[in-house]
Amino acid sequence: MRIMSRIAKFLGGIDPSDFLSDCKEWHAFVEGVGDGFCPWDTKYEPSKELRKDIQDEYHYYSFGTVIGFAGLIFAVAGAVRLVLGAVL
């Protein structure tokens, strides 16, 4: 049995090869990562096409914001450790 079919069986029939398999999904995910990493308001306004992709694939956008925010936390923690490590 192939590994992907085993994973799909484990996930209840969900095929993992469908994850981020479309450009709309990638658009929504990457925009979410950016919005999660930079949670403050910006003057950036996404295009009409990108807004539609985010609306159609909002679950990928939401997942991207979580990943982006986690990246922000790790970046801040690393910077604090770097600064405090240099001081101590």
N, C-alpha and C. Protein backbone atom coordinates (compact mmCIF):
# COMPACT_ATOMS: atom_id res chain seq x y z
N MET A 1 0.84 -1.18 0.00
CA MET A 1 0.00 0.00 0.00
C MET A 1 0.89 1.24 0.00
N ARG A 2 0.60 2.17 -0.89
CA ARG A 2 1.40 3.40 -0.98
C ARG A 2 1.22 4.25 0.27
N ILE A 3 2.22 5.04 0.56
CA ILE A 3 2.21 5.87 1.77
C ILE A 3 1.08 6.90 1.72
N MET A 4 0.81 7.51 0.56
CA MET A 4 -0.25 8.51 0.45
C MET A 4 -1.62 7.89 0.69
N SER A 5 -1.82 6.67 0.20
CA SER A 5 -3.12 6.03 0.45
C SER A 5 -3.27 5.64 1.92
N ARG A 6 -2.16 5.32 2.58
CA ARG A 6 -2.21 5.04 4.02
C ARG A 6 -2.56 6.30 4.80
N ILE A 7 -1.95 7.40 4.42
CA ILE A 7 -2.24 8.67 5.08
C ILE A 7 -3.70 9.06 4.84
N ALA A 8 -4.17 8.90 3.61
CA ALA A 8 -5.57 9.22 3.29
C ALA A 8 -6.52 8.36 4.10
N LYS A 9 -6.19 7.10 4.27
CA LYS A 9 -7.03 6.21 5.07
C LYS A 9 -7.03 6.66 6.53
N PHE A 10 -5.85 7.05 7.03
CA PHE A 10 -5.74 7.53 8.41
C PHE A 10 -6.56 8.80 8.62
N LEU A 11 -6.57 9.67 7.62
CA LEU A 11 -7.29 10.94 7.72
C LEU A 11 -8.77 10.81 7.39
N GLY A 12 -9.25 9.63 7.24
CA GLY A 12 -10.67 9.43 6.98
C GLY A 12 -11.04 9.68 5.53
N GLY A 13 -10.15 9.41 4.61
CA GLY A 13 -10.45 9.56 3.20
C GLY A 13 -9.98 10.88 2.60
N ILE A 14 -9.44 11.77 3.41
CA ILE A 14 -8.94 13.04 2.90
C ILE A 14 -7.59 12.79 2.22
N ASP A 15 -7.47 13.22 0.99
CA ASP A 15 -6.24 12.99 0.23
C ASP A 15 -5.24 14.12 0.52
N PRO A 16 -4.09 13.82 1.16
CA PRO A 16 -3.13 14.88 1.48
C PRO A 16 -2.50 15.53 0.25
N SER A 17 -2.57 14.91 -0.91
CA SER A 17 -2.01 15.52 -2.11
C SER A 17 -2.88 16.68 -2.59
N ASP A 18 -4.08 16.84 -2.03
CA ASP A 18 -4.94 17.98 -2.36
C ASP A 18 -4.56 19.23 -1.58
N PHE A 19 -3.69 19.10 -0.58
CA PHE A 19 -3.30 20.25 0.23
C PHE A 19 -2.43 21.20 -0.58
N LEU A 20 -2.86 22.44 -0.72
CA LEU A 20 -2.16 23.47 -1.48
C LEU A 20 -1.84 23.01 -2.90
N SER A 21 -2.82 22.42 -3.55
CA SER A 21 -2.60 21.90 -4.90
C SER A 21 -3.10 22.85 -5.99
N ASP A 22 -3.57 24.03 -5.61
CA ASP A 22 -4.16 24.97 -6.55
C ASP A 22 -3.58 26.36 -6.27
N CYS A 23 -3.48 27.18 -7.29
CA CYS A 23 -2.91 28.53 -7.09
C CYS A 23 -3.80 29.38 -6.19
N LYS A 24 -5.12 29.18 -6.20
CA LYS A 24 -6.00 29.92 -5.30
C LYS A 24 -5.68 29.60 -3.84
N GLU A 25 -5.40 28.34 -3.58
CA GLU A 25 -5.06 27.92 -2.22
C GLU A 25 -3.73 28.55 -1.80
N TRP A 26 -2.75 28.59 -2.69
CA TRP A 26 -1.46 29.20 -2.39
C TRP A 26 -1.60 30.69 -2.17
N HIS A 27 -2.41 31.36 -3.02
CA HIS A 27 -2.63 32.79 -2.83
C HIS A 27 -3.18 33.08 -1.44
N ALA A 28 -4.21 32.36 -1.05
CA ALA A 28 -4.85 32.58 0.25
C ALA A 28 -3.87 32.26 1.39
N PHE A 29 -3.13 31.17 1.27
CA PHE A 29 -2.19 30.77 2.33
C PHE A 29 -1.08 31.79 2.51
N VAL A 30 -0.45 32.21 1.41
CA VAL A 30 0.68 33.15 1.49
C VAL A 30 0.20 34.51 2.00
N GLU A 31 -0.97 34.95 1.57
CA GLU A 31 -1.51 36.21 2.09
C GLU A 31 -1.78 36.09 3.59
N GLY A 32 -2.25 34.93 4.02
CA GLY A 32 -2.47 34.70 5.45
C GLY A 32 -1.18 34.72 6.24
N VAL A 33 -0.13 34.13 5.70
CA VAL A 33 1.17 34.14 6.37
C VAL A 33 1.65 35.58 6.53
N GLY A 34 1.51 36.38 5.49
CA GLY A 34 1.92 37.78 5.57
C GLY A 34 1.10 38.56 6.58
N ASP A 35 -0.20 38.32 6.60
CA ASP A 35 -1.06 39.02 7.56
C ASP A 35 -0.82 38.54 8.98
N GLY A 36 -0.45 37.30 9.16
CA GLY A 36 -0.14 36.80 10.49
C GLY A 36 1.19 37.30 11.00
N PHE A 37 2.18 37.41 10.10
CA PHE A 37 3.50 37.87 10.50
C PHE A 37 3.51 39.37 10.77
N CYS A 38 2.66 40.11 10.07
CA CYS A 38 2.55 41.57 10.25
C CYS A 38 1.10 41.89 10.62
N PRO A 39 0.70 41.69 11.88
CA PRO A 39 -0.71 41.81 12.24
C PRO A 39 -1.22 43.25 12.32
N TRP A 40 -0.35 44.24 12.27
CA TRP A 40 -0.80 45.63 12.34
C TRP A 40 -1.38 46.05 10.99
N ASP A 41 -2.18 47.12 11.00
CA ASP A 41 -2.80 47.61 9.78
C ASP A 41 -1.75 48.18 8.83
N THR A 42 -1.96 47.93 7.55
CA THR A 42 -1.07 48.46 6.52
C THR A 42 -1.91 49.17 5.48
N LYS A 43 -1.25 49.87 4.60
CA LYS A 43 -1.95 50.54 3.50
C LYS A 43 -2.10 49.62 2.30
N TYR A 44 -1.56 48.40 2.41
CA TYR A 44 -1.63 47.44 1.31
C TYR A 44 -3.08 47.00 1.10
N GLU A 45 -3.51 47.03 -0.13
CA GLU A 45 -4.87 46.60 -0.47
C GLU A 45 -4.75 45.48 -1.51
N PRO A 46 -5.20 44.24 -1.15
CA PRO A 46 -5.09 43.14 -2.12
C PRO A 46 -5.95 43.38 -3.35
N SER A 47 -5.53 42.81 -4.46
CA SER A 47 -6.27 42.96 -5.70
C SER A 47 -7.62 42.25 -5.60
N LYS A 48 -8.48 42.54 -6.56
CA LYS A 48 -9.81 41.92 -6.60
C LYS A 48 -9.70 40.40 -6.72
N GLU A 49 -8.76 39.94 -7.56
CA GLU A 49 -8.55 38.50 -7.74
C GLU A 49 -8.08 37.84 -6.45
N LEU A 50 -7.16 38.50 -5.74
CA LEU A 50 -6.64 37.94 -4.50
C LEU A 50 -7.72 37.92 -3.42
N ARG A 51 -8.53 38.97 -3.33
CA ARG A 51 -9.64 38.97 -2.36
C ARG A 51 -10.60 37.83 -2.62
N LYS A 52 -10.87 37.54 -3.91
CA LYS A 52 -11.75 36.42 -4.25
C LYS A 52 -11.12 35.09 -3.85
N ASP A 53 -9.81 34.95 -4.09
CA ASP A 53 -9.12 33.72 -3.70
C ASP A 53 -9.17 33.52 -2.19
N ILE A 54 -8.98 34.61 -1.43
CA ILE A 54 -9.03 34.51 0.03
C ILE A 54 -10.44 34.12 0.47
N GLN A 55 -11.43 34.72 -0.14
CA GLN A 55 -12.82 34.40 0.22
C GLN A 55 -13.16 32.95 -0.12
N ASP A 56 -12.72 32.48 -1.28
CA ASP A 56 -13.02 31.10 -1.70
C ASP A 56 -12.26 30.06 -0.87
N GLU A 57 -11.06 30.39 -0.44
CA GLU A 57 -10.19 29.45 0.28
C GLU A 57 -9.83 30.01 1.66
N TYR A 58 -10.84 30.45 2.39
CA TYR A 58 -10.58 31.14 3.66
C TYR A 58 -9.89 30.24 4.68
N HIS A 59 -10.14 28.95 4.63
CA HIS A 59 -9.49 28.03 5.58
C HIS A 59 -7.98 28.01 5.37
N TYR A 60 -7.51 28.16 4.14
CA TYR A 60 -6.07 28.24 3.89
C TYR A 60 -5.52 29.59 4.39
N TYR A 61 -6.30 30.65 4.21
CA TYR A 61 -5.90 31.96 4.71
C TYR A 61 -5.77 31.92 6.24
N SER A 62 -6.75 31.32 6.90
CA SER A 62 -6.72 31.23 8.37
C SER A 62 -5.52 30.43 8.84
N PHE A 63 -5.25 29.30 8.20
CA PHE A 63 -4.08 28.49 8.54
C PHE A 63 -2.80 29.29 8.33
N GLY A 64 -2.74 30.07 7.26
CA GLY A 64 -1.58 30.90 6.99
C GLY A 64 -1.36 31.96 8.05
N THR A 65 -2.46 32.55 8.58
CA THR A 65 -2.29 33.56 9.63
C THR A 65 -1.72 32.94 10.89
N VAL A 66 -2.11 31.71 11.20
CA VAL A 66 -1.57 31.02 12.37
C VAL A 66 -0.07 30.77 12.18
N ILE A 67 0.30 30.29 11.01
CA ILE A 67 1.72 30.01 10.72
C ILE A 67 2.52 31.32 10.74
N GLY A 68 1.97 32.39 10.15
CA GLY A 68 2.66 33.67 10.15
C GLY A 68 2.84 34.25 11.54
N PHE A 69 1.81 34.15 12.38
CA PHE A 69 1.90 34.67 13.74
C PHE A 69 2.91 33.86 14.56
N ALA A 70 2.93 32.54 14.35
CA ALA A 70 3.93 31.71 15.03
C ALA A 70 5.34 32.13 14.60
N GLY A 71 5.50 32.43 13.32
CA GLY A 71 6.79 32.91 12.83
C GLY A 71 7.19 34.23 13.46
N LEU A 72 6.21 35.13 13.65
CA LEU A 72 6.48 36.40 14.31
C LEU A 72 6.93 36.19 15.75
N ILE A 73 6.26 35.29 16.46
CA ILE A 73 6.63 35.00 17.84
C ILE A 73 8.06 34.45 17.92
N PHE A 74 8.39 33.51 17.03
CA PHE A 74 9.75 32.96 17.02
C PHE A 74 10.78 34.02 16.64
N ALA A 75 10.44 34.92 15.72
CA ALA A 75 11.37 35.98 15.33
C ALA A 75 11.63 36.94 16.49
N VAL A 76 10.56 37.33 17.18
CA VAL A 76 10.72 38.23 18.32
C VAL A 76 11.50 37.55 19.44
N ALA A 77 11.17 36.29 19.72
CA ALA A 77 11.88 35.55 20.76
C ALA A 77 13.36 35.41 20.40
N GLY A 78 13.65 35.15 19.15
CA GLY A 78 15.05 35.05 18.72
C GLY A 78 15.79 36.37 18.84
N ALA A 79 15.11 37.46 18.49
CA ALA A 79 15.74 38.77 18.61
C ALA A 79 16.00 39.13 20.07
N VAL A 80 15.04 38.84 20.93
CA VAL A 80 15.22 39.10 22.36
C VAL A 80 16.37 38.27 22.91
N ARG A 81 16.42 37.02 22.52
CA ARG A 81 17.50 36.15 22.99
C ARG A 81 18.85 36.63 22.49
N LEU A 82 18.89 37.09 21.24
CA LEU A 82 20.13 37.61 20.67
C LEU A 82 20.59 38.86 21.43
N VAL A 83 19.67 39.77 21.70
CA VAL A 83 20.02 41.02 22.40
C VAL A 83 20.40 40.72 23.85
N LEU A 84 19.59 39.95 24.53
CA LEU A 84 19.89 39.65 25.92
C LEU A 84 21.13 38.77 26.06
N GLY A 85 21.35 37.92 25.11
CA GLY A 85 22.55 37.08 25.13
C GLY A 85 23.81 37.91 24.96
N ALA A 86 23.71 38.98 24.17
CA ALA A 86 24.86 39.86 23.97
C ALA A 86 25.12 40.73 25.19
N VAL A 87 24.04 41.01 25.94
CA VAL A 87 24.18 41.87 27.13
C VAL A 87 24.71 41.07 28.31
N LEU A 88 24.23 39.85 28.45
CA LEU A 88 24.60 39.04 29.63
C LEU A 88 25.98 38.49 29.52
